[in-house]
Amino acid sequence: MHFSTGLTSTVALNIGISAAPAPRDDPRYVQLRIYSEPGCFEQNRGEMGIYSDKLNKCQTFGGTTVKSVRFEYTLRDNLTLYDDITCHLNHHDVEINTCLSGDNEYGSYLVQC
């Protein structure tokens, strides 16, 4: 039993099978780090990449509570966050390498090019 498991693992490694996701063909236009608490320090929810299929369209954070955002990387400088989920209420322009933080939650974002 151990021999067949080991053999299967060795064969899989030799032919290059990987459980890692395949890389995307399109570039990452914007990278954000989102937090569920104000200040960009506590409750880091991870990084979020924005690709070409998300450009010029209002996007939500998918039900995640977002109270602060760090704008880490961009190929485009035009990122706006909104308090609502329809990209209409209280727009906030975000600058690269800064923390956008407030008392309210951010509900949506828009990257325009």
PDB file of N, CA and C in Angstrom:
ATOM      1  N   MET A   1       0.819  -1.184   0.000  1.00  0.00           N
ATOM      2  CA  MET A   1       0.000   0.000   0.000  1.00  0.00           C
ATOM      3  C   MET A   1       0.865   1.251   0.000  1.00  0.00           C
ATOM      4  N   HIS A   2       1.888   1.295   0.861  1.00  0.00           N
ATOM      5  CA  HIS A   2       2.761   2.461   0.917  1.00  0.00           C
ATOM      6  C   HIS A   2       3.556   2.604  -0.373  1.00  0.00           C
ATOM      7  N   PHE A   3       3.934   1.483  -0.992  1.00  0.00           N
ATOM      8  CA  PHE A   3       4.694   1.534  -2.231  1.00  0.00           C
ATOM      9  C   PHE A   3       3.873   2.190  -3.343  1.00  0.00           C
ATOM     10  N   SER A   4       2.597   1.819  -3.497  1.00  0.00           N
ATOM     11  CA  SER A   4       1.782   2.388  -4.567  1.00  0.00           C
ATOM     12  C   SER A   4       1.505   3.868  -4.335  1.00  0.00           C
ATOM     13  N   THR A   5       1.323   4.287  -3.086  1.00  0.00           N
ATOM     14  CA  THR A   5       1.118   5.695  -2.778  1.00  0.00           C
ATOM     15  C   THR A   5       2.370   6.494  -3.097  1.00  0.00           C
ATOM     16  N   GLY A   6       3.514   5.978  -2.708  1.00  0.00           N
ATOM     17  CA  GLY A   6       4.785   6.643  -2.990  1.00  0.00           C
ATOM     18  C   GLY A   6       5.052   6.711  -4.478  1.00  0.00           C
ATOM     19  N   LEU A   7       4.743   5.631  -5.187  1.00  0.00           N
ATOM     20  CA  LEU A   7       4.949   5.606  -6.634  1.00  0.00           C
ATOM     21  C   LEU A   7       4.047   6.621  -7.321  1.00  0.00           C
ATOM     22  N   THR A   8       2.803   6.690  -6.908  1.00  0.00           N
ATOM     23  CA  THR A   8       1.867   7.652  -7.493  1.00  0.00           C
ATOM     24  C   THR A   8       2.343   9.077  -7.237  1.00  0.00           C
ATOM     25  N   SER A   9       2.809   9.380  -6.045  1.00  0.00           N
ATOM     26  CA  SER A   9       3.313  10.714  -5.721  1.00  0.00           C
ATOM     27  C   SER A   9       4.535  11.059  -6.555  1.00  0.00           C
ATOM     28  N   THR A  10       5.436  10.115  -6.703  1.00  0.00           N
ATOM     29  CA  THR A  10       6.645  10.346  -7.490  1.00  0.00           C
ATOM     30  C   THR A  10       6.314  10.594  -8.949  1.00  0.00           C
ATOM     31  N   VAL A  11       5.403   9.806  -9.498  1.00  0.00           N
ATOM     32  CA  VAL A  11       5.003   9.989 -10.895  1.00  0.00           C
ATOM     33  C   VAL A  11       4.345  11.348 -11.084  1.00  0.00           C
ATOM     34  N   ALA A  12       3.473  11.737 -10.168  1.00  0.00           N
ATOM     35  CA  ALA A  12       2.795  13.024 -10.272  1.00  0.00           C
ATOM     36  C   ALA A  12       3.796  14.171 -10.242  1.00  0.00           C
ATOM     37  N   LEU A  13       4.801  14.095  -9.378  1.00  0.00           N
ATOM     38  CA  LEU A  13       5.814  15.139  -9.321  1.00  0.00           C
ATOM     39  C   LEU A  13       6.652  15.178 -10.591  1.00  0.00           C
ATOM     40  N   ASN A  14       6.977  14.018 -11.127  1.00  0.00           N
ATOM     41  CA  ASN A  14       7.808  13.962 -12.322  1.00  0.00           C
ATOM     42  C   ASN A  14       7.106  14.497 -13.561  1.00  0.00           C
ATOM     43  N   ILE A  15       5.787  14.367 -13.643  1.00  0.00           N
ATOM     44  CA  ILE A  15       5.106  14.873 -14.836  1.00  0.00           C
ATOM     45  C   ILE A  15       4.556  16.274 -14.615  1.00  0.00           C
ATOM     46  N   GLY A  16       4.796  16.857 -13.462  1.00  0.00           N
ATOM     47  CA  GLY A  16       4.475  18.262 -13.220  1.00  0.00           C
ATOM     48  C   GLY A  16       3.052  18.551 -12.815  1.00  0.00           C
ATOM     49  N   ILE A  17       2.359  17.620 -12.228  1.00  0.00           N
ATOM     50  CA  ILE A  17       1.016  17.889 -11.739  1.00  0.00           C
ATOM     51  C   ILE A  17       1.125  18.706 -10.466  1.00  0.00           C
ATOM     52  N   SER A  18       0.346  19.755 -10.394  1.00  0.00           N
ATOM     53  CA  SER A  18       0.401  20.627  -9.232  1.00  0.00           C
ATOM     54  C   SER A  18      -1.001  20.975  -8.789  1.00  0.00           C
ATOM     55  N   ALA A  19      -1.180  21.114  -7.490  1.00  0.00           N
ATOM     56  CA  ALA A  19      -2.470  21.537  -6.955  1.00  0.00           C
ATOM     57  C   ALA A  19      -2.591  23.058  -6.958  1.00  0.00           C
ATOM     58  N   ALA A  20      -1.497  23.760  -7.260  1.00  0.00           N
ATOM     59  CA  ALA A  20      -1.523  25.219  -7.283  1.00  0.00           C
ATOM     60  C   ALA A  20      -2.368  25.702  -8.460  1.00  0.00           C
ATOM     61  N   PRO A  21      -3.094  26.802  -8.280  1.00  0.00           N
ATOM     62  CA  PRO A  21      -3.903  27.317  -9.379  1.00  0.00           C
ATOM     63  C   PRO A  21      -3.023  27.805 -10.517  1.00  0.00           C
ATOM     64  N   ALA A  22      -3.529  27.685 -11.725  1.00  0.00           N
ATOM     65  CA  ALA A  22      -2.792  28.141 -12.888  1.00  0.00           C
ATOM     66  C   ALA A  22      -2.708  29.663 -12.862  1.00  0.00           C
ATOM     67  N   PRO A  23      -1.592  30.225 -13.288  1.00  0.00           N
ATOM     68  CA  PRO A  23      -1.477  31.683 -13.296  1.00  0.00           C
ATOM     69  C   PRO A  23      -2.436  32.307 -14.299  1.00  0.00           C
ATOM     70  N   ARG A  24      -2.887  33.518 -14.001  1.00  0.00           N
ATOM     71  CA  ARG A  24      -3.786  34.240 -14.896  1.00  0.00           C
ATOM     72  C   ARG A  24      -2.975  34.829 -16.036  1.00  0.00           C
ATOM     73  N   ASP A  25      -3.598  34.925 -17.210  1.00  0.00           N
ATOM     74  CA  ASP A  25      -2.937  35.518 -18.357  1.00  0.00           C
ATOM     75  C   ASP A  25      -2.943  37.039 -18.306  1.00  0.00           C
ATOM     76  N   ASP A  26      -3.952  37.623 -17.684  1.00  0.00           N
ATOM     77  CA  ASP A  26      -4.016  39.078 -17.643  1.00  0.00           C
ATOM     78  C   ASP A  26      -3.301  39.611 -16.400  1.00  0.00           C
ATOM     79  N   PRO A  27      -2.752  40.812 -16.487  1.00  0.00           N
ATOM     80  CA  PRO A  27      -1.994  41.358 -15.360  1.00  0.00           C
ATOM     81  C   PRO A  27      -2.904  41.801 -14.218  1.00  0.00           C
ATOM     82  N   ARG A  28      -2.310  41.898 -13.058  1.00  0.00           N
ATOM     83  CA  ARG A  28      -3.002  42.446 -11.895  1.00  0.00           C
ATOM     84  C   ARG A  28      -2.887  43.963 -12.002  1.00  0.00           C
ATOM     85  N   TYR A  29      -4.008  44.639 -12.201  1.00  0.00           N
ATOM     86  CA  TYR A  29      -4.003  46.083 -12.380  1.00  0.00           C
ATOM     87  C   TYR A  29      -3.887  46.835 -11.064  1.00  0.00           C
ATOM     88  N   VAL A  30      -4.506  46.309 -10.028  1.00  0.00           N
ATOM     89  CA  VAL A  30      -4.499  46.961  -8.720  1.00  0.00           C
ATOM     90  C   VAL A  30      -4.405  45.892  -7.653  1.00  0.00           C
ATOM     91  N   GLN A  31      -3.672  46.190  -6.582  1.00  0.00           N
ATOM     92  CA  GLN A  31      -3.641  45.296  -5.423  1.00  0.00           C
ATOM     93  C   GLN A  31      -4.002  46.104  -4.187  1.00  0.00           C
ATOM     94  N   LEU A  32      -4.987  45.603  -3.471  1.00  0.00           N
ATOM     95  CA  LEU A  32      -5.441  46.201  -2.225  1.00  0.00           C
ATOM     96  C   LEU A  32      -5.208  45.228  -1.090  1.00  0.00           C
ATOM     97  N   ARG A  33      -5.072  45.753   0.102  1.00  0.00           N
ATOM     98  CA  ARG A  33      -5.118  44.935   1.311  1.00  0.00           C
ATOM     99  C   ARG A  33      -6.281  45.477   2.107  1.00  0.00           C
ATOM    100  N   ILE A  34      -7.209  44.593   2.470  1.00  0.00           N
ATOM    101  CA  ILE A  34      -8.422  45.055   3.141  1.00  0.00           C
ATOM    102  C   ILE A  34      -8.438  44.590   4.601  1.00  0.00           C
ATOM    103  N   TYR A  35      -9.063  45.426   5.439  1.00  0.00           N
ATOM    104  CA  TYR A  35      -9.122  45.190   6.884  1.00  0.00           C
ATOM    105  C   TYR A  35     -10.551  45.386   7.368  1.00  0.00           C
ATOM    106  N   SER A  36     -10.947  44.616   8.360  1.00  0.00           N
ATOM    107  CA  SER A  36     -12.300  44.750   8.900  1.00  0.00           C
ATOM    108  C   SER A  36     -12.359  45.694  10.097  1.00  0.00           C
ATOM    109  N   GLU A  37     -11.233  46.338  10.419  1.00  0.00           N
ATOM    110  CA  GLU A  37     -11.176  47.354  11.474  1.00  0.00           C
ATOM    111  C   GLU A  37     -10.492  48.598  10.921  1.00  0.00           C
ATOM    112  N   PRO A  38     -10.801  49.778  11.454  1.00  0.00           N
ATOM    113  CA  PRO A  38     -10.138  51.003  10.992  1.00  0.00           C
ATOM    114  C   PRO A  38      -8.636  50.975  11.272  1.00  0.00           C
ATOM    115  N   GLY A  39      -7.855  51.669  10.455  1.00  0.00           N
ATOM    116  CA  GLY A  39      -6.437  51.863  10.739  1.00  0.00           C
ATOM    117  C   GLY A  39      -5.462  51.023   9.941  1.00  0.00           C
ATOM    118  N   CYS A  40      -5.912  50.061   9.182  1.00  0.00           N
ATOM    119  CA  CYS A  40      -5.022  49.208   8.368  1.00  0.00           C
ATOM    120  C   CYS A  40      -4.002  48.433   9.196  1.00  0.00           C
ATOM    121  N   PHE A  41      -4.388  48.033  10.425  1.00  0.00           N
ATOM    122  CA  PHE A  41      -3.488  47.248  11.260  1.00  0.00           C
ATOM    123  C   PHE A  41      -4.133  45.960  11.747  1.00  0.00           C
ATOM    124  N   GLU A  42      -5.370  46.058  12.226  1.00  0.00           N
ATOM    125  CA  GLU A  42      -6.027  44.909  12.836  1.00  0.00           C
ATOM    126  C   GLU A  42      -7.034  44.269  11.893  1.00  0.00           C
ATOM    127  N   GLN A  43      -7.200  42.973  12.041  1.00  0.00           N
ATOM    128  CA  GLN A  43      -8.175  42.197  11.264  1.00  0.00           C
ATOM    129  C   GLN A  43      -7.895  42.269   9.761  1.00  0.00           C
ATOM    130  N   ASN A  44      -6.643  41.971   9.401  1.00  0.00           N
ATOM    131  CA  ASN A  44      -6.241  41.920   7.997  1.00  0.00           C
ATOM    132  C   ASN A  44      -7.017  40.795   7.313  1.00  0.00           C
ATOM    133  N   ARG A  45      -7.801  41.123   6.297  1.00  0.00           N
ATOM    134  CA  ARG A  45      -8.603  40.139   5.561  1.00  0.00           C
ATOM    135  C   ARG A  45      -7.877  39.632   4.325  1.00  0.00           C
ATOM    136  N   GLY A  46      -6.654  40.103   4.115  1.00  0.00           N
ATOM    137  CA  GLY A  46      -5.848  39.617   3.010  1.00  0.00           C
ATOM    138  C   GLY A  46      -5.764  40.600   1.860  1.00  0.00           C
ATOM    139  N   GLU A  47      -5.007  40.186   0.859  1.00  0.00           N
ATOM    140  CA  GLU A  47      -4.854  41.044  -0.307  1.00  0.00           C
ATOM    141  C   GLU A  47      -5.909  40.713  -1.344  1.00  0.00           C
ATOM    142  N   MET A  48      -6.197  41.691  -2.148  1.00  0.00           N
ATOM    143  CA  MET A  48      -7.214  41.540  -3.173  1.00  0.00           C
ATOM    144  C   MET A  48      -6.641  42.081  -4.478  1.00  0.00           C
ATOM    145  N   GLY A  49      -6.567  41.246  -5.492  1.00  0.00           N
ATOM    146  CA  GLY A  49      -6.090  41.670  -6.795  1.00  0.00           C
ATOM    147  C   GLY A  49      -7.253  42.014  -7.709  1.00  0.00           C
ATOM    148  N   ILE A  50      -7.080  43.064  -8.483  1.00  0.00           N
ATOM    149  CA  ILE A  50      -8.104  43.474  -9.434  1.00  0.00           C
ATOM    150  C   ILE A  50      -7.527  43.305 -10.837  1.00  0.00           C
ATOM    151  N   TYR A  51      -8.189  42.480 -11.628  1.00  0.00           N
ATOM    152  CA  TYR A  51      -7.746  42.132 -12.974  1.00  0.00           C
ATOM    153  C   TYR A  51      -8.638  42.809 -14.012  1.00  0.00           C
ATOM    154  N   SER A  52      -8.311  42.637 -15.266  1.00  0.00           N
ATOM    155  CA  SER A  52      -8.993  43.362 -16.345  1.00  0.00           C
ATOM    156  C   SER A  52     -10.504  43.123 -16.380  1.00  0.00           C
ATOM    157  N   ASP A  53     -10.968  41.960 -15.949  1.00  0.00           N
ATOM    158  CA  ASP A  53     -12.415  41.694 -15.974  1.00  0.00           C
ATOM    159  C   ASP A  53     -13.175  42.517 -14.937  1.00  0.00           C
ATOM    160  N   LYS A  54     -12.469  43.183 -14.027  1.00  0.00           N
ATOM    161  CA  LYS A  54     -13.101  44.018 -12.997  1.00  0.00           C
ATOM    162  C   LYS A  54     -12.968  45.511 -13.288  1.00  0.00           C
ATOM    163  N   LEU A  55     -12.275  45.890 -14.364  1.00  0.00           N
ATOM    164  CA  LEU A  55     -12.072  47.293 -14.685  1.00  0.00           C
ATOM    165  C   LEU A  55     -13.346  47.920 -15.211  1.00  0.00           C
ATOM    166  N   ASN A  56     -13.539  49.195 -14.871  1.00  0.00           N
ATOM    167  CA  ASN A  56     -14.664  49.996 -15.368  1.00  0.00           C
ATOM    168  C   ASN A  56     -16.032  49.435 -14.989  1.00  0.00           C
ATOM    169  N   LYS A  57     -16.088  48.649 -13.919  1.00  0.00           N
ATOM    170  CA  LYS A  57     -17.342  48.081 -13.423  1.00  0.00           C
ATOM    171  C   LYS A  57     -17.383  48.240 -11.912  1.00  0.00           C
ATOM    172  N   CYS A  58     -18.527  48.618 -11.402  1.00  0.00           N
ATOM    173  CA  CYS A  58     -18.696  48.703  -9.961  1.00  0.00           C
ATOM    174  C   CYS A  58     -18.601  47.293  -9.364  1.00  0.00           C
ATOM    175  N   GLN A  59     -17.769  47.131  -8.332  1.00  0.00           N
ATOM    176  CA  GLN A  59     -17.564  45.839  -7.682  1.00  0.00           C
ATOM    177  C   GLN A  59     -17.808  45.976  -6.180  1.00  0.00           C
ATOM    178  N   THR A  60     -18.276  44.905  -5.563  1.00  0.00           N
ATOM    179  CA  THR A  60     -18.447  44.890  -4.110  1.00  0.00           C
ATOM    180  C   THR A  60     -17.349  44.042  -3.475  1.00  0.00           C
ATOM    181  N   PHE A  61     -17.285  44.076  -2.173  1.00  0.00           N
ATOM    182  CA  PHE A  61     -16.302  43.284  -1.437  1.00  0.00           C
ATOM    183  C   PHE A  61     -16.847  41.910  -1.058  1.00  0.00           C
ATOM    184  N   GLY A  62     -17.939  41.517  -1.644  1.00  0.00           N
ATOM    185  CA  GLY A  62     -18.471  40.173  -1.465  1.00  0.00           C
ATOM    186  C   GLY A  62     -18.953  39.857  -0.068  1.00  0.00           C
ATOM    187  N   GLY A  63     -19.526  40.819   0.618  1.00  0.00           N
ATOM    188  CA  GLY A  63     -20.070  40.566   1.946  1.00  0.00           C
ATOM    189  C   GLY A  63     -19.066  40.685   3.073  1.00  0.00           C
ATOM    190  N   THR A  64     -17.798  40.943   2.751  1.00  0.00           N
ATOM    191  CA  THR A  64     -16.774  41.123   3.767  1.00  0.00           C
ATOM    192  C   THR A  64     -16.878  42.523   4.354  1.00  0.00           C
ATOM    193  N   THR A  65     -16.799  42.633   5.674  1.00  0.00           N
ATOM    194  CA  THR A  65     -16.782  43.938   6.322  1.00  0.00           C
ATOM    195  C   THR A  65     -15.443  44.595   6.048  1.00  0.00           C
ATOM    196  N   VAL A  66     -15.473  45.779   5.434  1.00  0.00           N
ATOM    197  CA  VAL A  66     -14.241  46.502   5.098  1.00  0.00           C
ATOM    198  C   VAL A  66     -14.323  47.897   5.720  1.00  0.00           C
ATOM    199  N   LYS A  67     -13.423  48.157   6.688  1.00  0.00           N
ATOM    200  CA  LYS A  67     -13.389  49.463   7.340  1.00  0.00           C
ATOM    201  C   LYS A  67     -12.108  50.229   7.052  1.00  0.00           C
ATOM    202  N   SER A  68     -11.117  49.563   6.470  1.00  0.00           N
ATOM    203  CA  SER A  68      -9.923  50.270   6.021  1.00  0.00           C
ATOM    204  C   SER A  68      -9.287  49.497   4.868  1.00  0.00           C
ATOM    205  N   VAL A  69      -8.603  50.251   4.003  1.00  0.00           N
ATOM    206  CA  VAL A  69      -8.013  49.683   2.787  1.00  0.00           C
ATOM    207  C   VAL A  69      -6.651  50.321   2.557  1.00  0.00           C
ATOM    208  N   ARG A  70      -5.669  49.494   2.252  1.00  0.00           N
ATOM    209  CA  ARG A  70      -4.352  49.975   1.840  1.00  0.00           C
ATOM    210  C   ARG A  70      -4.210  49.669   0.351  1.00  0.00           C
ATOM    211  N   PHE A  71      -3.924  50.696  -0.429  1.00  0.00           N
ATOM    212  CA  PHE A  71      -3.751  50.615  -1.874  1.00  0.00           C
ATOM    213  C   PHE A  71      -2.264  50.354  -2.104  1.00  0.00           C
ATOM    214  N   GLU A  72      -1.889  49.086  -2.428  1.00  0.00           N
ATOM    215  CA  GLU A  72      -0.488  48.681  -2.447  1.00  0.00           C
ATOM    216  C   GLU A  72       0.199  48.777  -3.804  1.00  0.00           C
ATOM    217  N   TYR A  73      -0.524  48.559  -4.867  1.00  0.00           N
ATOM    218  CA  TYR A  73       0.115  48.454  -6.184  1.00  0.00           C
ATOM    219  C   TYR A  73      -0.889  48.817  -7.259  1.00  0.00           C
ATOM    220  N   THR A  74      -0.416  49.435  -8.335  1.00  0.00           N
ATOM    221  CA  THR A  74      -1.321  49.755  -9.421  1.00  0.00           C
ATOM    222  C   THR A  74      -0.611  49.881 -10.764  1.00  0.00           C
ATOM    223  N   LEU A  75      -1.297  49.477 -11.792  1.00  0.00           N
ATOM    224  CA  LEU A  75      -0.936  49.821 -13.158  1.00  0.00           C
ATOM    225  C   LEU A  75      -1.816  50.978 -13.617  1.00  0.00           C
ATOM    226  N   ARG A  76      -2.864  51.254 -12.845  1.00  0.00           N
ATOM    227  CA  ARG A  76      -3.801  52.361 -13.094  1.00  0.00           C
ATOM    228  C   ARG A  76      -3.947  53.135 -11.789  1.00  0.00           C
ATOM    229  N   ASP A  77      -4.015  54.445 -11.872  1.00  0.00           N
ATOM    230  CA  ASP A  77      -4.094  55.262 -10.659  1.00  0.00           C
ATOM    231  C   ASP A  77      -5.506  55.630 -10.255  1.00  0.00           C
ATOM    232  N   ASN A  78      -6.502  55.184 -10.935  1.00  0.00           N
ATOM    233  CA  ASN A  78      -7.848  55.672 -10.717  1.00  0.00           C
ATOM    234  C   ASN A  78      -8.698  54.675  -9.932  1.00  0.00           C
ATOM    235  N   LEU A  79      -8.520  54.634  -8.617  1.00  0.00           N
ATOM    236  CA  LEU A  79      -9.283  53.749  -7.741  1.00  0.00           C
ATOM    237  C   LEU A  79     -10.157  54.599  -6.834  1.00  0.00           C
ATOM    238  N   THR A  80     -11.439  54.275  -6.784  1.00  0.00           N
ATOM    239  CA  THR A  80     -12.381  54.981  -5.925  1.00  0.00           C
ATOM    240  C   THR A  80     -13.162  53.968  -5.104  1.00  0.00           C
ATOM    241  N   LEU A  81     -13.302  54.212  -3.803  1.00  0.00           N
ATOM    242  CA  LEU A  81     -14.131  53.390  -2.927  1.00  0.00           C
ATOM    243  C   LEU A  81     -15.395  54.163  -2.577  1.00  0.00           C
ATOM    244  N   TYR A  82     -16.455  53.422  -2.275  1.00  0.00           N
ATOM    245  CA  TYR A  82     -17.754  54.015  -1.951  1.00  0.00           C
ATOM    246  C   TYR A  82     -18.297  53.382  -0.686  1.00  0.00           C
ATOM    247  N   ASP A  83     -19.176  54.114  -0.001  1.00  0.00           N
ATOM    248  CA  ASP A  83     -19.782  53.598   1.230  1.00  0.00           C
ATOM    249  C   ASP A  83     -20.907  52.600   0.942  1.00  0.00           C
ATOM    250  N   ASP A  84     -21.535  52.704  -0.229  1.00  0.00           N
ATOM    251  CA  ASP A  84     -22.642  51.809  -0.565  1.00  0.00           C
ATOM    252  C   ASP A  84     -22.154  50.697  -1.497  1.00  0.00           C
ATOM    253  N   ILE A  85     -23.060  49.823  -1.912  1.00  0.00           N
ATOM    254  CA  ILE A  85     -22.675  48.710  -2.786  1.00  0.00           C
ATOM    255  C   ILE A  85     -22.957  48.988  -4.263  1.00  0.00           C
ATOM    256  N   THR A  86     -23.331  50.233  -4.583  1.00  0.00           N
ATOM    257  CA  THR A  86     -23.657  50.564  -5.974  1.00  0.00           C
ATOM    258  C   THR A  86     -22.735  51.629  -6.570  1.00  0.00           C
ATOM    259  N   CYS A  87     -21.655  51.953  -5.898  1.00  0.00           N
ATOM    260  CA  CYS A  87     -20.676  52.945  -6.374  1.00  0.00           C
ATOM    261  C   CYS A  87     -21.300  54.324  -6.587  1.00  0.00           C
ATOM    262  N   HIS A  88     -22.145  54.740  -5.643  1.00  0.00           N
ATOM    263  CA  HIS A  88     -22.769  56.047  -5.757  1.00  0.00           C
ATOM    264  C   HIS A  88     -22.594  56.918  -4.513  1.00  0.00           C
ATOM    265  N   LEU A  89     -22.588  56.335  -3.336  1.00  0.00           N
ATOM    266  CA  LEU A  89     -22.647  57.103  -2.094  1.00  0.00           C
ATOM    267  C   LEU A  89     -21.254  57.362  -1.514  1.00  0.00           C
ATOM    268  N   ASN A  90     -20.924  58.642  -1.335  1.00  0.00           N
ATOM    269  CA  ASN A  90     -19.680  59.058  -0.673  1.00  0.00           C
ATOM    270  C   ASN A  90     -18.430  58.427  -1.288  1.00  0.00           C
ATOM    271  N   HIS A  91     -18.007  58.946  -2.403  1.00  0.00           N
ATOM    272  CA  HIS A  91     -16.807  58.396  -3.040  1.00  0.00           C
ATOM    273  C   HIS A  91     -15.545  58.852  -2.294  1.00  0.00           C
ATOM    274  N   HIS A  92     -14.559  57.948  -2.261  1.00  0.00           N
ATOM    275  CA  HIS A  92     -13.279  58.189  -1.602  1.00  0.00           C
ATOM    276  C   HIS A  92     -12.180  57.815  -2.588  1.00  0.00           C
ATOM    277  N   ASP A  93     -11.382  58.793  -2.997  1.00  0.00           N
ATOM    278  CA  ASP A  93     -10.245  58.485  -3.853  1.00  0.00           C
ATOM    279  C   ASP A  93      -9.128  57.937  -2.980  1.00  0.00           C
ATOM    280  N   VAL A  94      -8.455  56.910  -3.469  1.00  0.00           N
ATOM    281  CA  VAL A  94      -7.424  56.230  -2.693  1.00  0.00           C
ATOM    282  C   VAL A  94      -6.079  56.474  -3.367  1.00  0.00           C
ATOM    283  N   GLU A  95      -5.088  56.861  -2.584  1.00  0.00           N
ATOM    284  CA  GLU A  95      -3.747  57.089  -3.102  1.00  0.00           C
ATOM    285  C   GLU A  95      -2.868  55.886  -2.803  1.00  0.00           C
ATOM    286  N   ILE A  96      -1.908  55.638  -3.691  1.00  0.00           N
ATOM    287  CA  ILE A  96      -1.003  54.503  -3.549  1.00  0.00           C
ATOM    288  C   ILE A  96      -0.227  54.603  -2.224  1.00  0.00           C
ATOM    289  N   ASN A  97      -0.028  53.463  -1.591  1.00  0.00           N
ATOM    290  CA  ASN A  97       0.718  53.326  -0.330  1.00  0.00           C
ATOM    291  C   ASN A  97       0.160  54.177   0.808  1.00  0.00           C
ATOM    292  N   THR A  98      -1.150  54.333   0.824  1.00  0.00           N
ATOM    293  CA  THR A  98      -1.799  55.027   1.936  1.00  0.00           C
ATOM    294  C   THR A  98      -2.917  54.151   2.473  1.00  0.00           C
ATOM    295  N   CYS A  99      -3.342  54.462   3.680  1.00  0.00           N
ATOM    296  CA  CYS A  99      -4.456  53.757   4.302  1.00  0.00           C
ATOM    297  C   CYS A  99      -5.692  54.637   4.239  1.00  0.00           C
ATOM    298  N   LEU A 100      -6.751  54.132   3.665  1.00  0.00           N
ATOM    299  CA  LEU A 100      -8.046  54.804   3.693  1.00  0.00           C
ATOM    300  C   LEU A 100      -8.825  54.164   4.842  1.00  0.00           C
ATOM    301  N   SER A 101      -9.208  54.963   5.796  1.00  0.00           N
ATOM    302  CA  SER A 101      -9.843  54.427   6.991  1.00  0.00           C
ATOM    303  C   SER A 101     -10.907  55.393   7.479  1.00  0.00           C
ATOM    304  N   GLY A 102     -11.987  54.854   7.994  1.00  0.00           N
ATOM    305  CA  GLY A 102     -13.040  55.697   8.529  1.00  0.00           C
ATOM    306  C   GLY A 102     -13.926  54.922   9.481  1.00  0.00           C
ATOM    307  N   ASP A 103     -14.940  55.599   9.981  1.00  0.00           N
ATOM    308  CA  ASP A 103     -15.868  54.962  10.910  1.00  0.00           C
ATOM    309  C   ASP A 103     -16.867  54.064  10.192  1.00  0.00           C
ATOM    310  N   ASN A 104     -17.168  54.399   8.943  1.00  0.00           N
ATOM    311  CA  ASN A 104     -18.143  53.621   8.174  1.00  0.00           C
ATOM    312  C   ASN A 104     -17.472  52.474   7.435  1.00  0.00           C
ATOM    313  N   GLU A 105     -18.291  51.559   6.964  1.00  0.00           N
ATOM    314  CA  GLU A 105     -17.794  50.478   6.120  1.00  0.00           C
ATOM    315  C   GLU A 105     -17.755  50.938   4.675  1.00  0.00           C
ATOM    316  N   TYR A 106     -16.820  50.388   3.917  1.00  0.00           N
ATOM    317  CA  TYR A 106     -16.777  50.617   2.480  1.00  0.00           C
ATOM    318  C   TYR A 106     -17.488  49.453   1.820  1.00  0.00           C
ATOM    319  N   GLY A 107     -18.364  49.757   0.864  1.00  0.00           N
ATOM    320  CA  GLY A 107     -19.190  48.708   0.278  1.00  0.00           C
ATOM    321  C   GLY A 107     -18.845  48.328  -1.139  1.00  0.00           C
ATOM    322  N   SER A 108     -18.204  49.243  -1.895  1.00  0.00           N
ATOM    323  CA  SER A 108     -17.909  48.948  -3.286  1.00  0.00           C
ATOM    324  C   SER A 108     -16.692  49.740  -3.744  1.00  0.00           C
ATOM    325  N   TYR A 109     -16.179  49.388  -4.925  1.00  0.00           N
ATOM    326  CA  TYR A 109     -15.031  50.071  -5.490  1.00  0.00           C
ATOM    327  C   TYR A 109     -15.148  50.097  -7.008  1.00  0.00           C
ATOM    328  N   LEU A 110     -14.376  51.005  -7.608  1.00  0.00           N
ATOM    329  CA  LEU A 110     -14.370  51.148  -9.051  1.00  0.00           C
ATOM    330  C   LEU A 110     -12.964  51.511  -9.488  1.00  0.00           C
ATOM    331  N   VAL A 111     -12.405  50.732 -10.416  1.00  0.00           N
ATOM    332  CA  VAL A 111     -11.120  51.030 -11.027  1.00  0.00           C
ATOM    333  C   VAL A 111     -11.409  51.410 -12.469  1.00  0.00           C
ATOM    334  N   GLN A 112     -11.096  52.661 -12.808  1.00  0.00           N
ATOM    335  CA  GLN A 112     -11.366  53.139 -14.162  1.00  0.00           C
ATOM    336  C   GLN A 112     -10.084  53.294 -14.939  1.00  0.00           C
ATOM    337  N   CYS A 113     -10.182  53.015 -16.217  1.00  0.00           N
ATOM    338  CA  CYS A 113      -9.035  53.248 -17.091  1.00  0.00           C
ATOM    339  C   CYS A 113      -9.504  53.812 -18.411  1.00  0.00           C
TER     340      CYS A 113
END
